[in-house]
Amino acid sequence: MRVTDENSSGLAFFSESQLHSLTEILGHTRFRDLIDGISCLTQSRLHGKGRQSRHSSIHFAKPSSRVEISREATVQYIGAYFEHVHPLYPFLDRSDFENKAFDNPVAGHLSNAPFSALYHTVLALGCLYVEGGSFDPGKGKAWKLFQHALGLFPEILLPPEALVNVQGIFAMNFSCIQISKTLTTEAARMVQCLGYSAAYSPVEDEKACHRVFWVIYWQERVECFFCSRAPIIADYDIGCPVPETPAATIGDFDWLMNTARLGRLVSRMYERLFSVSAVRANITTRVAAMNTVSAELEQWKECLPKHFQPSHPFRPSHFKKPYVLNMAIQLRLIYYSLSISICRLRIHVTPNERDQGIKLQLMEAARMIISLSRYIDHEPHVPTWALGIVPISALFIIFEFIIHNPRHAETSLNLAYLDMAVGYFSRWEVESKGSLPFSYVSECAHIARQFVQDVQNRQDAVVRHSEQAMPWTEPSSDALPGQIPLPNSLDEVHWGISATGIGFDELFYPSDPLQPIMGTSNPSASDFSALFDFSYWN
């Protein structure tokens, strides 16, 4: 995202100093132009014609009539929802919901706006799995179902608030990326106001209240982290237990319990490393905090079952159901994202330490994210952070490693990973019928590959120049492995041989005062997540 102060430019992943450094090394402004182009396009879609056309298709006016669906289709859609989506977000009681949905007549229940919104959203999500389609405005049955649900949104906000209001708002979150932050925030506000975080809920079904609370807690924690803002739900105000959820339990792996623990860890990580008070602490305190949080992250990882552990080889065949595969992917993506955040912060806080271990860890985390991207489903219920923010962040990290280390032994492999990331976004572009502007990503890969080729050509020219200009001499004993001895008078930066001044067997990654993975807490930054919303590009 782009911050607008005098020290920044382009997307927030790249500060002005980074863009300036990359431009100097590349010797042209193509990458800067590319980043500025993405930022301007996103801004224009958010605040210009794209936003207006979106609102002409999605509106909150109450629909005139309910969408008619046959009982057979209703059974299929609801079954598909509970098979594919519910295990990842187990905030509903299936038997209670189905008793109302299949009640004859159901019209009595649908007169309640919050339940009607929940009902139609569940049908819309299930419809995608049974009949295909999308939530693109005006296209298909799934869209009509969701439009009906969205039209009830204003009524859900009216008091008195209750469990079904929370469920209805949170369900719409999976179908409406462009307002998902608003919906998640509103759901979090509701559970806080209704006291679902307390140990007891005397008014409604206590287990159901606790279940919806912990699902929303996990989603809000991760979303807030990637937006670099503090969450609504305070950890010190939580007293409710994590209820058992058989639909989200695979063997001895309890999805809701593990995501609740991870949400707690994300919360502590933000507070200790990226909050205003944490940033103001001295270096010794910040390094100690990073060590503590890193140890906690590793402890959480080691408590996972073997096939879910990020350190264990990822084999899709280990997961018998698609939703279990999605669970494993999301856990790995968030683990590597948190690792990236800690590594980048450590490089910033201690820029003079030539710790190759941290840079290797950063590079490997980005590579693992790109490797996982081939398995990410382009479905509405997949969170925006998993769908786009994390993969493109990994792409940018690999891009920087390539540009700053063109002669490193890992660069050729990094180019292959960059191509793999381009493949992920190209597949998405095909599935969206070209409506998502991911040609920018392929241009990024082209710039990197061309730069490495140019450096290789210059290196060959240097070798030829050295052979013609002076007799051959043995390299000095202190020459670094893999480094070609150059004449002292040769300006290495001008020739593009070493952009950093460090040895060619050492990795370099720039130090920059960025916040978590996408970089900034500045509220004036562009909403980069909008780039991954189908609806803005139609």
Protein backbone atom coordinates (compact mmCIF):
# COMPACT_ATOMS: atom_id res chain seq x y z
CA MET A 1 0.00 0.00 0.00
CA ARG A 2 1.04 3.51 -0.48
CA VAL A 3 1.69 5.97 2.25
CA THR A 4 1.34 9.59 1.35
CA ASP A 5 3.95 11.36 3.44
CA GLU A 6 7.14 12.81 2.04
CA ASN A 7 9.17 9.72 2.88
CA SER A 8 7.12 7.24 0.94
CA SER A 9 5.87 6.36 -2.48
CA GLY A 10 4.03 3.57 -4.21
CA LEU A 11 2.60 0.62 -2.32
CA ALA A 12 3.28 0.41 1.38
CA PHE A 13 5.38 -2.70 0.92
CA PHE A 14 7.92 -0.35 -0.69
CA SER A 15 8.93 2.88 1.00
CA GLU A 16 10.41 5.77 -0.93
CA SER A 17 13.91 4.76 0.13
CA GLN A 18 13.36 1.22 -1.16
CA LEU A 19 11.96 2.41 -4.47
CA HIS A 20 14.85 4.85 -4.85
CA SER A 21 17.37 2.09 -4.13
CA LEU A 22 15.74 -0.33 -6.58
CA THR A 23 15.57 2.36 -9.27
CA GLU A 24 19.24 3.15 -8.83
CA ILE A 25 20.24 -0.50 -9.07
CA LEU A 26 17.98 -1.27 -12.03
CA GLY A 27 19.09 1.84 -13.89
CA HIS A 28 15.55 2.69 -15.04
CA THR A 29 12.17 3.65 -13.61
CA ARG A 30 10.10 0.74 -14.94
CA PHE A 31 9.56 -0.84 -11.53
CA ARG A 32 8.71 2.48 -9.89
CA ASP A 33 6.27 3.18 -12.71
CA LEU A 34 4.75 -0.27 -12.25
CA ILE A 35 4.22 0.23 -8.50
CA ASP A 36 2.81 3.72 -9.02
CA GLY A 37 0.53 2.32 -11.71
CA ILE A 38 -0.88 -0.33 -9.36
CA SER A 39 -1.40 2.29 -6.65
CA CYS A 40 -3.12 4.76 -8.97
CA LEU A 41 -5.31 2.08 -10.52
CA THR A 42 -6.38 0.80 -7.12
CA GLN A 43 -7.13 4.33 -5.91
CA SER A 44 -9.13 5.17 -9.01
CA ARG A 45 -11.18 2.01 -8.64
CA LEU A 46 -11.78 2.68 -4.96
CA HIS A 47 -12.71 6.35 -5.26
CA GLY A 48 -13.67 6.80 -8.88
CA LYS A 49 -15.74 5.15 -11.53
CA GLY A 50 -15.20 1.60 -10.27
CA ARG A 51 -16.65 2.43 -6.87
CA GLN A 52 -19.64 4.19 -8.44
CA SER A 53 -20.42 1.35 -10.81
CA ARG A 54 -20.11 -1.09 -7.94
CA HIS A 55 -22.65 0.78 -5.88
CA SER A 56 -25.00 0.88 -8.83
CA SER A 57 -25.00 -2.95 -8.73
CA ILE A 58 -24.74 -3.60 -4.99
CA HIS A 59 -27.13 -1.59 -2.87
CA PHE A 60 -28.64 -1.95 0.55
CA ALA A 61 -32.23 -1.32 -0.49
CA LYS A 62 -34.59 -4.00 0.82
CA PRO A 63 -35.40 -6.48 -1.97
CA SER A 64 -39.01 -6.56 -3.10
CA SER A 65 -39.41 -10.34 -2.94
CA ARG A 66 -37.62 -13.48 -1.80
CA VAL A 67 -35.69 -15.50 -4.37
CA GLU A 68 -37.65 -18.67 -5.12
CA ILE A 69 -35.60 -21.86 -4.79
CA SER A 70 -37.00 -25.37 -4.97
CA ARG A 71 -36.85 -27.54 -1.85
CA GLU A 72 -34.54 -29.98 -3.64
CA ALA A 73 -32.12 -27.17 -4.56
CA THR A 74 -32.35 -25.76 -1.04
CA VAL A 75 -31.32 -29.13 0.42
CA GLN A 76 -28.41 -29.37 -2.03
CA TYR A 77 -27.17 -25.82 -1.39
CA ILE A 78 -27.34 -26.10 2.40
CA GLY A 79 -25.64 -29.50 2.30
CA ALA A 80 -22.84 -28.11 0.12
CA TYR A 81 -22.35 -25.17 2.47
CA PHE A 82 -21.99 -27.38 5.54
CA GLU A 83 -19.65 -29.74 3.70
CA HIS A 84 -17.27 -27.18 2.19
CA VAL A 85 -17.49 -23.91 4.15
CA HIS A 86 -18.83 -24.66 7.63
CA PRO A 87 -15.83 -26.69 8.92
CA LEU A 88 -13.56 -23.69 8.31
CA TYR A 89 -15.98 -21.26 9.98
CA PRO A 90 -18.07 -23.36 12.40
CA PHE A 91 -20.16 -20.51 13.80
CA LEU A 92 -23.54 -22.20 13.15
CA ASP A 93 -25.38 -25.02 14.85
CA ARG A 94 -26.26 -27.16 11.85
CA SER A 95 -29.26 -28.94 13.35
CA ASP A 96 -30.75 -25.69 14.62
CA PHE A 97 -30.25 -23.95 11.28
CA GLU A 98 -31.65 -26.85 9.24
CA ASN A 99 -34.67 -27.20 11.51
CA LYS A 100 -35.62 -23.62 10.65
CA ALA A 101 -34.57 -23.80 6.99
CA PHE A 102 -36.58 -26.95 6.30
CA ASP A 103 -39.54 -26.00 8.46
CA ASN A 104 -42.79 -25.99 6.52
CA PRO A 105 -43.60 -23.24 5.94
CA VAL A 106 -40.21 -21.52 6.25
CA ALA A 107 -41.76 -18.12 5.51
CA GLY A 108 -42.39 -17.55 9.20
CA HIS A 109 -38.67 -17.75 9.96
CA LEU A 110 -37.74 -15.67 6.91
CA SER A 111 -39.87 -12.78 8.17
CA ASN A 112 -37.02 -12.29 10.64
CA ALA A 113 -34.51 -10.15 8.69
CA PRO A 114 -31.30 -11.42 10.38
CA PHE A 115 -32.25 -15.08 9.82
CA SER A 116 -33.36 -14.35 6.26
CA ALA A 117 -29.99 -12.75 5.52
CA LEU A 118 -28.18 -15.72 7.06
CA TYR A 119 -30.38 -18.20 5.19
CA HIS A 120 -29.89 -16.59 1.77
CA THR A 121 -26.14 -16.20 2.28
CA VAL A 122 -25.79 -19.89 3.15
CA LEU A 123 -27.80 -20.74 0.03
CA ALA A 124 -25.64 -18.42 -2.09
CA LEU A 125 -22.39 -19.99 -0.90
CA GLY A 126 -23.74 -23.52 -1.33
CA CYS A 127 -25.01 -22.62 -4.80
CA LEU A 128 -21.45 -21.88 -5.92
CA TYR A 129 -20.45 -25.47 -5.17
CA VAL A 130 -23.53 -27.06 -6.73
CA GLU A 131 -24.12 -24.93 -9.83
CA GLY A 132 -21.02 -22.77 -10.10
CA GLY A 133 -21.26 -19.07 -10.85
CA SER A 134 -19.93 -16.13 -8.91
CA PHE A 135 -20.95 -13.11 -6.86
CA ASP A 136 -20.35 -10.76 -9.77
CA PRO A 137 -23.23 -8.26 -9.87
CA GLY A 138 -26.18 -9.44 -11.91
CA LYS A 139 -24.64 -12.77 -12.89
CA GLY A 140 -26.30 -16.03 -11.95
CA LYS A 141 -28.40 -17.52 -9.19
CA ALA A 142 -25.74 -17.22 -6.47
CA TRP A 143 -25.61 -13.48 -7.02
CA LYS A 144 -29.42 -13.13 -6.77
CA LEU A 145 -29.43 -15.03 -3.48
CA PHE A 146 -26.63 -12.93 -2.06
CA GLN A 147 -28.18 -9.67 -3.29
CA HIS A 148 -31.31 -10.51 -1.32
CA ALA A 149 -29.21 -11.11 1.82
CA LEU A 150 -27.25 -7.90 1.36
CA GLY A 151 -30.45 -5.92 0.97
CA LEU A 152 -31.34 -6.89 4.54
CA PHE A 153 -28.09 -5.52 5.96
CA PRO A 154 -29.55 -2.25 7.38
CA GLU A 155 -32.23 -4.19 9.28
CA ILE A 156 -29.63 -6.46 10.88
CA LEU A 157 -27.98 -3.41 12.43
CA LEU A 158 -31.18 -2.29 14.13
CA PRO A 159 -31.61 -3.10 17.82
CA PRO A 160 -32.22 -5.34 19.59
CA GLU A 161 -29.07 -7.21 18.59
CA ALA A 162 -28.98 -10.96 19.08
CA LEU A 163 -27.02 -14.07 18.12
CA VAL A 164 -28.73 -14.40 14.73
CA ASN A 165 -27.78 -10.80 13.89
CA VAL A 166 -24.12 -11.64 14.48
CA GLN A 167 -24.43 -14.82 12.44
CA GLY A 168 -26.11 -13.03 9.54
CA ILE A 169 -23.49 -10.28 9.34
CA PHE A 170 -20.56 -12.65 9.67
CA ALA A 171 -21.93 -15.01 7.01
CA MET A 172 -22.10 -12.14 4.49
CA ASN A 173 -18.39 -11.58 5.08
CA PHE A 174 -17.62 -14.64 2.91
CA SER A 175 -19.61 -13.31 -0.04
CA CYS A 176 -18.67 -9.65 -0.11
CA ILE A 177 -14.93 -9.01 -0.16
CA GLN A 178 -15.23 -5.29 -0.82
CA ILE A 179 -16.97 -4.71 2.54
CA SER A 180 -15.56 -7.70 4.42
CA LYS A 181 -13.57 -5.50 6.80
CA THR A 182 -16.71 -3.58 7.68
CA LEU A 183 -18.65 -6.78 8.25
CA THR A 184 -15.95 -8.43 10.37
CA THR A 185 -15.53 -5.28 12.43
CA GLU A 186 -19.28 -4.98 12.93
CA ALA A 187 -19.54 -8.64 13.95
CA ALA A 188 -16.69 -8.15 16.43
CA ARG A 189 -18.40 -5.05 17.86
CA MET A 190 -21.64 -7.00 18.29
CA VAL A 191 -20.11 -9.96 20.14
CA GLN A 192 -18.27 -7.52 22.38
CA CYS A 193 -21.43 -5.54 23.16
CA LEU A 194 -23.48 -8.70 23.69
CA GLY A 195 -20.91 -10.03 26.13
CA TYR A 196 -20.16 -13.27 24.30
CA SER A 197 -16.56 -13.05 25.47
CA ALA A 198 -17.69 -13.51 29.05
CA ALA A 199 -17.69 -16.86 30.81
CA TYR A 200 -21.49 -16.99 30.95
CA SER A 201 -24.26 -15.91 28.57
CA PRO A 202 -27.56 -16.25 30.46
CA VAL A 203 -29.82 -14.93 27.69
CA GLU A 204 -29.08 -17.20 24.70
CA ASP A 205 -27.55 -20.58 23.85
CA GLU A 206 -24.24 -20.28 25.66
CA LYS A 207 -22.33 -22.80 23.54
CA ALA A 208 -23.54 -21.17 20.31
CA CYS A 209 -22.51 -17.73 21.60
CA HIS A 210 -19.03 -18.96 22.50
CA ARG A 211 -18.66 -20.72 19.15
CA VAL A 212 -19.49 -17.64 17.10
CA PHE A 213 -17.26 -15.52 19.36
CA TRP A 214 -14.13 -17.62 18.76
CA VAL A 215 -14.67 -17.85 15.00
CA ILE A 216 -15.01 -14.07 14.78
CA TYR A 217 -12.08 -13.59 17.18
CA TRP A 218 -9.71 -15.55 14.93
CA GLN A 219 -10.82 -13.77 11.77
CA GLU A 220 -10.63 -10.30 13.31
CA ARG A 221 -7.22 -10.91 14.84
CA VAL A 222 -5.60 -11.94 11.56
CA GLU A 223 -7.37 -9.27 9.50
CA CYS A 224 -6.32 -6.53 11.94
CA PHE A 225 -2.73 -7.75 11.92
CA PHE A 226 -2.48 -7.48 8.15
CA CYS A 227 -4.07 -4.02 8.29
CA SER A 228 -1.68 -2.95 11.07
CA ARG A 229 -4.40 -1.87 13.47
CA ALA A 230 -5.44 -2.87 16.96
CA PRO A 231 -8.42 -5.25 17.24
CA ILE A 232 -11.73 -4.39 18.85
CA ILE A 233 -11.93 -7.43 21.12
CA ALA A 234 -9.55 -7.00 24.06
CA ASP A 235 -7.72 -10.14 25.22
CA TYR A 236 -7.92 -9.15 28.87
CA ASP A 237 -11.74 -9.17 28.62
CA ILE A 238 -12.09 -12.77 27.40
CA GLY A 239 -13.30 -15.41 29.80
CA CYS A 240 -15.32 -17.83 27.68
CA PRO A 241 -14.01 -21.32 26.86
CA VAL A 242 -13.50 -22.64 23.33
CA PRO A 243 -16.41 -25.05 22.78
CA GLU A 244 -16.07 -28.44 21.16
CA THR A 245 -16.85 -28.39 17.44
CA PRO A 246 -17.03 -31.91 16.01
CA ALA A 247 -17.60 -30.62 12.46
CA ALA A 248 -14.25 -28.80 12.62
CA THR A 249 -12.30 -31.57 14.35
CA ILE A 250 -10.17 -33.97 12.30
CA GLY A 251 -8.87 -36.84 14.40
CA ASP A 252 -7.09 -35.20 17.31
CA PHE A 253 -6.84 -31.85 15.52
CA ASP A 254 -9.30 -29.26 16.84
CA TRP A 255 -9.41 -26.46 14.25
CA LEU A 256 -11.29 -23.96 16.42
CA MET A 257 -9.01 -24.49 19.42
CA ASN A 258 -5.85 -24.15 17.33
CA THR A 259 -7.01 -21.01 15.53
CA ALA A 260 -8.05 -19.50 18.87
CA ARG A 261 -4.53 -20.10 20.19
CA LEU A 262 -3.04 -18.66 17.05
CA GLY A 263 -5.30 -15.63 17.34
CA ARG A 264 -4.00 -15.06 20.86
CA LEU A 265 -0.43 -15.33 19.58
CA VAL A 266 -1.10 -12.85 16.76
CA SER A 267 -2.55 -10.45 19.31
CA ARG A 268 0.52 -10.67 21.57
CA MET A 269 2.79 -10.31 18.56
CA TYR A 270 1.10 -7.09 17.47
CA GLU A 271 1.18 -5.67 21.00
CA ARG A 272 4.83 -6.54 21.69
CA LEU A 273 6.35 -5.81 18.28
CA PHE A 274 4.21 -3.45 16.21
CA SER A 275 2.06 -1.34 18.51
CA VAL A 276 2.97 2.30 19.13
CA SER A 277 4.39 1.51 22.57
CA ALA A 278 6.45 -1.39 21.16
CA VAL A 279 7.95 0.73 18.40
CA ARG A 280 9.03 3.35 20.97
CA ALA A 281 10.93 0.81 23.09
CA ASN A 282 14.74 0.65 23.02
CA ILE A 283 16.58 -1.82 20.80
CA THR A 284 17.41 -4.24 23.63
CA THR A 285 13.75 -4.48 24.63
CA ARG A 286 12.58 -4.94 21.03
CA VAL A 287 15.12 -7.68 20.32
CA ALA A 288 14.10 -9.50 23.51
CA ALA A 289 10.44 -9.21 22.48
CA MET A 290 11.21 -10.63 19.03
CA ASN A 291 13.03 -13.57 20.58
CA THR A 292 10.10 -14.28 22.91
CA VAL A 293 7.46 -14.06 20.18
CA SER A 294 9.56 -16.20 17.82
CA ALA A 295 9.84 -18.89 20.50
CA GLU A 296 6.07 -18.78 21.11
CA LEU A 297 5.40 -19.11 17.38
CA GLU A 298 7.63 -22.18 17.19
CA GLN A 299 5.97 -23.70 20.26
CA TRP A 300 2.55 -23.27 18.63
CA LYS A 301 3.84 -24.88 15.44
CA GLU A 302 5.26 -27.89 17.29
CA CYS A 303 1.92 -28.54 18.98
CA LEU A 304 0.20 -29.15 15.63
CA PRO A 305 -0.31 -32.68 14.27
CA LYS A 306 2.50 -33.78 11.98
CA HIS A 307 0.79 -33.22 8.64
CA PHE A 308 -0.33 -29.71 9.69
CA GLN A 309 3.11 -28.58 10.84
CA PRO A 310 4.77 -26.10 8.47
CA SER A 311 8.11 -27.86 9.04
CA HIS A 312 6.64 -31.11 7.72
CA PRO A 313 6.63 -31.65 3.92
CA PHE A 314 3.33 -30.50 2.42
CA ARG A 315 1.52 -33.34 0.67
CA PRO A 316 -2.08 -32.64 -0.47
CA SER A 317 -2.71 -36.39 -0.49
CA HIS A 318 -2.47 -36.34 3.33
CA PHE A 319 -5.75 -34.43 3.49
CA LYS A 320 -8.81 -36.43 2.45
CA LYS A 321 -11.29 -33.53 2.33
CA PRO A 322 -10.89 -30.21 0.49
CA TYR A 323 -11.73 -28.22 3.63
CA VAL A 324 -8.97 -30.04 5.57
CA LEU A 325 -6.53 -29.10 2.82
CA ASN A 326 -7.69 -25.48 3.14
CA MET A 327 -7.10 -25.63 6.91
CA ALA A 328 -3.53 -26.83 6.38
CA ILE A 329 -2.88 -24.13 3.77
CA GLN A 330 -4.23 -21.31 5.95
CA LEU A 331 -2.17 -22.41 8.96
CA ARG A 332 0.99 -22.56 6.87
CA LEU A 333 0.31 -19.20 5.21
CA ILE A 334 -0.21 -17.42 8.52
CA TYR A 335 2.84 -19.12 10.07
CA TYR A 336 5.12 -18.03 7.23
CA SER A 337 3.57 -14.56 7.22
CA LEU A 338 4.31 -14.10 10.90
CA SER A 339 7.85 -15.39 10.33
CA ILE A 340 8.30 -12.86 7.53
CA SER A 341 7.06 -10.04 9.76
CA ILE A 342 9.53 -10.93 12.51
CA CYS A 343 12.44 -11.31 10.08
CA ARG A 344 11.80 -7.98 8.37
CA LEU A 345 11.46 -6.23 11.73
CA ARG A 346 14.67 -7.82 12.98
CA ILE A 347 16.53 -6.64 9.87
CA HIS A 348 15.19 -3.13 10.47
CA VAL A 349 15.95 -3.02 14.20
CA THR A 350 19.48 -4.44 13.81
CA PRO A 351 20.51 -3.35 10.28
CA ASN A 352 24.26 -3.60 10.96
CA GLU A 353 24.17 -7.27 11.92
CA ARG A 354 25.24 -9.45 8.99
CA ASP A 355 23.08 -12.34 10.15
CA GLN A 356 22.63 -14.58 7.13
CA GLY A 357 20.32 -16.88 9.08
CA ILE A 358 17.58 -14.23 9.29
CA LYS A 359 17.80 -13.43 5.58
CA LEU A 360 17.73 -17.11 4.64
CA GLN A 361 14.72 -17.61 6.89
CA LEU A 362 12.96 -14.66 5.24
CA MET A 363 13.71 -15.94 1.76
CA GLU A 364 12.63 -19.49 2.59
CA ALA A 365 9.32 -18.28 4.11
CA ALA A 366 8.54 -16.32 0.94
CA ARG A 367 9.39 -19.34 -1.19
CA MET A 368 7.13 -21.61 0.85
CA ILE A 369 4.22 -19.20 0.45
CA ILE A 370 4.71 -19.17 -3.31
CA SER A 371 4.89 -22.98 -3.36
CA LEU A 372 1.60 -23.16 -1.47
CA SER A 373 -0.12 -20.65 -3.75
CA ARG A 374 -0.88 -23.31 -6.36
CA TYR A 375 -3.31 -24.92 -3.90
CA ILE A 376 -5.19 -21.73 -2.88
CA ASP A 377 -8.79 -21.77 -4.05
CA HIS A 378 -10.14 -18.61 -5.66
CA GLU A 379 -13.38 -18.81 -3.71
CA PRO A 380 -15.35 -16.05 -1.92
CA HIS A 381 -14.94 -17.67 1.51
CA VAL A 382 -11.13 -17.62 1.28
CA PRO A 383 -9.86 -14.61 3.30
CA THR A 384 -8.37 -11.74 1.31
CA TRP A 385 -5.10 -12.04 3.22
CA ALA A 386 -4.70 -15.65 2.08
CA LEU A 387 -6.06 -15.02 -1.40
CA GLY A 388 -3.88 -12.08 -2.39
CA ILE A 389 -2.02 -10.11 0.27
CA VAL A 390 0.27 -12.91 1.45
CA PRO A 391 1.13 -14.30 -2.03
CA ILE A 392 1.93 -10.91 -3.53
CA SER A 393 3.99 -9.97 -0.46
CA ALA A 394 6.05 -13.12 -0.97
CA LEU A 395 6.47 -12.21 -4.63
CA PHE A 396 7.80 -8.76 -3.73
CA ILE A 397 10.24 -10.24 -1.20
CA ILE A 398 11.66 -12.64 -3.78
CA PHE A 399 11.85 -9.78 -6.30
CA GLU A 400 13.95 -7.72 -3.87
CA PHE A 401 16.25 -10.65 -3.14
CA ILE A 402 16.86 -11.04 -6.88
CA ILE A 403 17.54 -7.36 -7.56
CA HIS A 404 19.85 -6.92 -4.56
CA ASN A 405 21.66 -10.23 -5.12
CA PRO A 406 21.85 -10.76 -8.91
CA ARG A 407 24.99 -12.92 -8.72
CA HIS A 408 24.06 -14.99 -5.67
CA ALA A 409 23.82 -18.75 -6.07
CA GLU A 410 20.15 -18.65 -4.98
CA THR A 411 19.10 -16.12 -7.61
CA SER A 412 18.40 -18.58 -10.42
CA LEU A 413 16.08 -20.53 -8.11
CA ASN A 414 14.45 -17.30 -6.95
CA LEU A 415 13.68 -16.47 -10.57
CA ALA A 416 11.89 -19.80 -10.86
CA TYR A 417 9.86 -19.00 -7.73
CA LEU A 418 9.00 -15.61 -9.21
CA ASP A 419 7.69 -17.37 -12.31
CA MET A 420 5.67 -19.70 -10.07
CA ALA A 421 4.07 -16.69 -8.35
CA VAL A 422 3.25 -15.18 -11.73
CA GLY A 423 1.56 -18.47 -12.62
CA TYR A 424 -0.67 -18.21 -9.56
CA PHE A 425 -1.85 -14.73 -10.43
CA SER A 426 -2.14 -15.57 -14.13
CA ARG A 427 -4.44 -18.47 -13.24
CA TRP A 428 -6.53 -16.06 -11.21
CA GLU A 429 -6.64 -13.63 -14.13
CA VAL A 430 -7.89 -16.42 -16.43
CA GLU A 431 -10.55 -17.48 -13.93
CA SER A 432 -11.74 -13.87 -13.65
CA LYS A 433 -11.86 -13.66 -17.47
CA GLY A 434 -9.21 -10.99 -17.53
CA SER A 435 -11.04 -8.63 -15.19
CA LEU A 436 -8.21 -8.60 -12.62
CA PRO A 437 -5.16 -6.55 -13.74
CA PHE A 438 -2.42 -9.06 -12.94
CA SER A 439 -0.36 -8.23 -16.02
CA TYR A 440 1.53 -6.02 -13.55
CA VAL A 441 2.82 -9.14 -11.82
CA SER A 442 4.22 -10.66 -14.99
CA GLU A 443 5.93 -7.35 -15.78
CA CYS A 444 7.61 -7.52 -12.36
CA ALA A 445 9.05 -10.95 -13.22
CA HIS A 446 10.18 -9.73 -16.63
CA ILE A 447 12.05 -6.80 -15.05
CA ALA A 448 13.86 -9.13 -12.63
CA ARG A 449 14.85 -11.67 -15.28
CA GLN A 450 16.08 -8.96 -17.65
CA PHE A 451 18.13 -7.35 -14.90
CA VAL A 452 19.87 -10.61 -13.98
CA GLN A 453 20.62 -11.23 -17.66
CA ASP A 454 22.07 -7.73 -18.02
CA VAL A 455 24.27 -8.26 -14.96
CA GLN A 456 25.52 -11.55 -16.41
CA ASN A 457 26.33 -9.83 -19.71
CA ARG A 458 28.23 -7.09 -17.88
CA GLN A 459 30.08 -9.66 -15.85
CA ASP A 460 31.17 -11.42 -19.03
CA ALA A 461 32.29 -8.07 -20.42
CA VAL A 462 34.33 -7.40 -17.26
CA VAL A 463 36.03 -10.78 -17.56
CA ARG A 464 36.90 -10.14 -21.19
CA HIS A 465 38.16 -6.66 -20.34
CA SER A 466 40.33 -8.03 -17.53
CA GLU A 467 41.84 -10.73 -19.75
CA GLN A 468 42.70 -8.21 -22.47
CA ALA A 469 43.96 -5.41 -20.23
CA MET A 470 46.26 -7.21 -17.83
CA PRO A 471 48.03 -10.53 -17.36
CA TRP A 472 46.26 -13.15 -15.33
CA THR A 473 47.03 -13.16 -11.60
CA GLU A 474 45.90 -15.55 -8.95
CA PRO A 475 42.99 -14.31 -6.83
CA SER A 476 44.01 -12.92 -3.47
CA SER A 477 43.79 -15.31 -0.56
CA ASP A 478 41.00 -13.27 1.02
CA ALA A 479 38.75 -13.36 -2.07
CA LEU A 480 35.27 -14.61 -1.27
CA PRO A 481 34.05 -17.89 -2.78
CA GLY A 482 32.50 -17.38 -6.19
CA GLN A 483 33.67 -13.77 -6.46
CA ILE A 484 35.43 -12.70 -9.62
CA PRO A 485 38.43 -10.43 -8.94
CA LEU A 486 37.97 -7.03 -10.57
CA PRO A 487 40.37 -4.17 -11.22
CA ASN A 488 40.38 -1.72 -8.35
CA SER A 489 39.48 1.16 -10.62
CA LEU A 490 36.28 -0.49 -11.81
CA ASP A 491 33.12 1.04 -10.36
CA GLU A 492 31.18 -2.06 -9.32
CA VAL A 493 27.92 -0.24 -8.71
CA HIS A 494 28.07 1.33 -12.18
CA TRP A 495 28.60 -2.06 -13.75
CA GLY A 496 25.79 -3.62 -11.69
CA ILE A 497 28.00 -6.39 -10.40
CA SER A 498 27.53 -5.82 -6.66
CA ALA A 499 24.68 -3.58 -5.67
CA THR A 500 25.32 -3.86 -1.96
CA GLY A 501 29.04 -3.92 -1.38
CA ILE A 502 28.90 -7.26 0.46
CA GLY A 503 30.38 -10.55 -0.63
CA PHE A 504 28.66 -12.42 -3.42
CA ASP A 505 28.14 -15.45 -1.18
CA GLU A 506 26.15 -13.32 1.29
CA LEU A 507 22.50 -12.42 0.89
CA PHE A 508 21.42 -8.82 1.24
CA TYR A 509 17.95 -7.58 2.14
CA PRO A 510 17.25 -3.87 2.76
CA SER A 511 16.42 -2.48 6.16
CA ASP A 512 13.28 -0.39 6.17
CA PRO A 513 10.95 0.93 8.92
CA LEU A 514 7.90 -1.08 7.90
CA GLN A 515 5.09 -2.53 10.00
CA PRO A 516 3.73 -6.10 9.52
CA ILE A 517 3.81 -7.98 6.26
CA MET A 518 2.18 -5.37 4.02
CA GLY A 519 3.96 -2.62 5.76
CA THR A 520 2.25 0.42 7.15
CA SER A 521 -0.07 1.61 9.87
CA ASN A 522 -0.69 4.93 8.11
CA PRO A 523 -4.49 5.28 7.74
CA SER A 524 -4.10 7.27 4.53
CA ALA A 525 -2.57 4.29 2.72
CA SER A 526 -4.25 2.76 -0.30
CA ASP A 527 -6.39 -0.28 0.44
CA PHE A 528 -4.24 -2.78 -1.44
CA SER A 529 -6.69 -5.58 -0.63
CA ALA A 530 -9.09 -3.99 -3.12
CA LEU A 531 -6.76 -5.17 -5.88
CA PHE A 532 -7.92 -8.72 -5.14
CA ASP A 533 -11.65 -8.01 -5.24
CA PHE A 534 -13.33 -9.30 -8.38
CA SER A 535 -16.14 -6.79 -8.06
CA TYR A 536 -13.99 -3.71 -8.56
CA TRP A 537 -12.86 -4.85 -11.98
CA ASN A 538 -16.26 -5.47 -13.57
